[in-house]
C-alpha atoms as a PDB file:
ATOM      1  CA  MET A   1      21.968  -0.937 -28.406  1.00  0.00           C
ATOM      2  CA  LEU A   2      21.484   3.044 -30.084  1.00  0.00           C
ATOM      3  CA  ALA A   3      18.648   3.588 -27.552  1.00  0.00           C
ATOM      4  CA  THR A   4      20.328   2.587 -24.879  1.00  0.00           C
ATOM      5  CA  VAL A   5      23.704   5.340 -25.960  1.00  0.00           C
ATOM      6  CA  VAL A   6      21.154   7.964 -26.570  1.00  0.00           C
ATOM      7  CA  ALA A   7      19.286   7.153 -23.106  1.00  0.00           C
ATOM      8  CA  TYR A   8      22.566   7.395 -21.330  1.00  0.00           C
ATOM      9  CA  ASP A   9      23.379  10.846 -23.261  1.00  0.00           C
ATOM     10  CA  LEU A  10      20.477  11.953 -22.136  1.00  0.00           C
ATOM     11  CA  TYR A  11      21.098  10.627 -18.435  1.00  0.00           C
ATOM     12  CA  LEU A  12      24.389  12.514 -18.465  1.00  0.00           C
ATOM     13  CA  GLU A  13      23.286  15.817 -20.637  1.00  0.00           C
ATOM     14  CA  SER A  14      20.230  16.239 -17.549  1.00  0.00           C
ATOM     15  CA  LEU A  15      23.007  15.942 -14.779  1.00  0.00           C
ATOM     16  CA  LYS A  16      23.760  19.539 -16.158  1.00  0.00           C
ATOM     17  CA  LEU A  17      20.339  20.442 -15.489  1.00  0.00           C
ATOM     18  CA  ILE A  18      19.650  18.814 -12.283  1.00  0.00           C
ATOM     19  CA  ASP A  19      21.251  17.996  -9.220  1.00  0.00           C
ATOM     20  CA  GLY A  20      22.345  13.792  -8.283  1.00  0.00           C
ATOM     21  CA  PHE A  21      19.888  13.510  -5.917  1.00  0.00           C
ATOM     22  CA  LEU A  22      16.755  14.328  -8.332  1.00  0.00           C
ATOM     23  CA  ALA A  23      18.495  12.440 -11.337  1.00  0.00           C
ATOM     24  CA  THR A  24      18.678   9.463  -9.293  1.00  0.00           C
ATOM     25  CA  MET A  25      15.480   9.503  -8.154  1.00  0.00           C
ATOM     26  CA  THR A  26      14.361   9.793 -11.644  1.00  0.00           C
ATOM     27  CA  GLY A  27      15.950   7.561 -12.687  1.00  0.00           C
ATOM     28  CA  LEU A  28      14.429   5.013 -10.187  1.00  0.00           C
ATOM     29  CA  PHE A  29      11.149   5.259 -11.973  1.00  0.00           C
ATOM     30  CA  GLU A  30      13.130   4.175 -15.017  1.00  0.00           C
ATOM     31  CA  PRO A  31      10.741   0.807 -14.550  1.00  0.00           C
ATOM     32  CA  ILE A  32       7.668   1.873 -13.709  1.00  0.00           C
ATOM     33  CA  SER A  33       7.235   3.776 -16.494  1.00  0.00           C
ATOM     34  CA  SER A  34       9.263   1.051 -18.892  1.00  0.00           C
ATOM     35  CA  VAL A  35       5.488  -0.885 -17.457  1.00  0.00           C
ATOM     36  CA  LEU A  36       3.278   1.832 -18.331  1.00  0.00           C
ATOM     37  CA  PHE A  37       4.361   2.334 -21.766  1.00  0.00           C
ATOM     38  CA  GLY A  38       4.785  -0.915 -22.888  1.00  0.00           C
ATOM     39  CA  MET A  39       0.916  -0.993 -21.208  1.00  0.00           C
ATOM     40  CA  LEU A  40      -0.403   1.672 -23.554  1.00  0.00           C
ATOM     41  CA  PHE A  41       2.031   1.521 -26.785  1.00  0.00           C
ATOM     42  CA  LEU A  42       2.750  -2.194 -26.929  1.00  0.00           C
ATOM     43  CA  GLN A  43      -0.431  -3.738 -25.826  1.00  0.00           C
ATOM     44  CA  GLN A  44       1.478  -6.070 -22.996  1.00  0.00           C
ATOM     45  CA  ILE A  45      -0.509  -7.151 -20.196  1.00  0.00           C
ATOM     46  CA  LEU A  46       0.446  -6.390 -16.164  1.00  0.00           C
ATOM     47  CA  VAL A  47       0.752  -9.668 -14.780  1.00  0.00           C
ATOM     48  CA  PRO A  48       1.405  -9.826 -10.697  1.00  0.00           C
ATOM     49  CA  GLN A  49       5.277  -9.918 -10.992  1.00  0.00           C
ATOM     50  CA  ALA A  50       5.597  -6.403 -12.591  1.00  0.00           C
ATOM     51  CA  LEU A  51       3.148  -5.004 -10.159  1.00  0.00           C
ATOM     52  CA  VAL A  52       4.798  -6.543  -7.228  1.00  0.00           C
ATOM     53  CA  GLY A  53       8.125  -5.051  -8.813  1.00  0.00           C
ATOM     54  CA  ILE A  54       6.238  -1.510  -9.042  1.00  0.00           C
ATOM     55  CA  ILE A  55       5.390  -1.405  -5.356  1.00  0.00           C
ATOM     56  CA  LEU A  56       8.823  -2.719  -4.603  1.00  0.00           C
ATOM     57  CA  VAL A  57      10.344   0.413  -6.558  1.00  0.00           C
ATOM     58  CA  VAL A  58       8.038   2.971  -4.914  1.00  0.00           C
ATOM     59  CA  GLY A  59       8.909   1.619  -1.852  1.00  0.00           C
ATOM     60  CA  ALA A  60      12.123   1.967  -2.077  1.00  0.00           C
ATOM     61  CA  ILE A  61      11.550   5.033  -2.978  1.00  0.00           C
ATOM     62  CA  MET A  62       9.586   5.859  -0.347  1.00  0.00           C
ATOM     63  CA  ILE A  63      12.204   4.780   1.912  1.00  0.00           C
ATOM     64  CA  LEU A  64      15.111   6.339   0.134  1.00  0.00           C
ATOM     65  CA  ASN A  65      12.948  10.043   1.364  1.00  0.00           C
ATOM     66  CA  LEU A  66      12.330   9.183   4.448  1.00  0.00           C
ATOM     67  CA  PRO A  67      13.942  12.024   7.096  1.00  0.00           C
ATOM     68  CA  HIS A  68      17.647  11.151   8.180  1.00  0.00           C
ATOM     69  CA  HIS A  69      17.073  12.058  12.245  1.00  0.00           C
ATOM     70  CA  ILE A  70      18.499   9.426  13.615  1.00  0.00           C
ATOM     71  CA  THR A  71      21.597  10.543  15.457  1.00  0.00           C
ATOM     72  CA  ALA A  72      23.751   9.013  17.981  1.00  0.00           C
ATOM     73  CA  PRO A  73      23.326  10.587  21.630  1.00  0.00           C
ATOM     74  CA  VAL A  74      25.928  13.009  22.699  1.00  0.00           C
ATOM     75  CA  PRO A  75      26.761  12.847  26.589  1.00  0.00           C
ATOM     76  CA  SER A  76      26.040  15.684  28.494  1.00  0.00           C
ATOM     77  CA  LYS A  77      29.940  15.572  30.643  1.00  0.00           C
ATOM     78  CA  PRO A  78      33.107  14.366  29.655  1.00  0.00           C
ATOM     79  CA  CYS A  79      33.942  10.525  30.049  1.00  0.00           C
ATOM     80  CA  GLN A  80      35.721  10.205  33.397  1.00  0.00           C
ATOM     81  CA  CYS A  81      36.980   6.592  32.013  1.00  0.00           C
ATOM     82  CA  THR A  82      40.160   5.451  33.910  1.00  0.00           C
ATOM     83  CA  MET A  83      43.024   2.754  32.745  1.00  0.00           C
ATOM     84  CA  PRO A  84      43.217  -0.796  34.440  1.00  0.00           C
ATOM     85  CA  ASN A  85      46.544  -0.577  36.480  1.00  0.00           C
ATOM     86  CA  GLN A  86      49.115  -2.809  35.264  1.00  0.00           C
END
């Protein structure tokens, strides 16, 4: 539990140095880094489920970083709509 408190405190302190978007993007790499550190330091074996998870996380990061150029078409002239007679 102490490790969680320290990690969260470090995350909050990092927000003073970088913007929220960069902090969020960096936080998305946490599952990948935990798997890699587990393999390096704890001699854990990379199972297929973890590999699928890494691919999903990287895919989500790539989707979040796509440019947002989707806009609604703007009419060239004002609408000449009429209200139906009652």
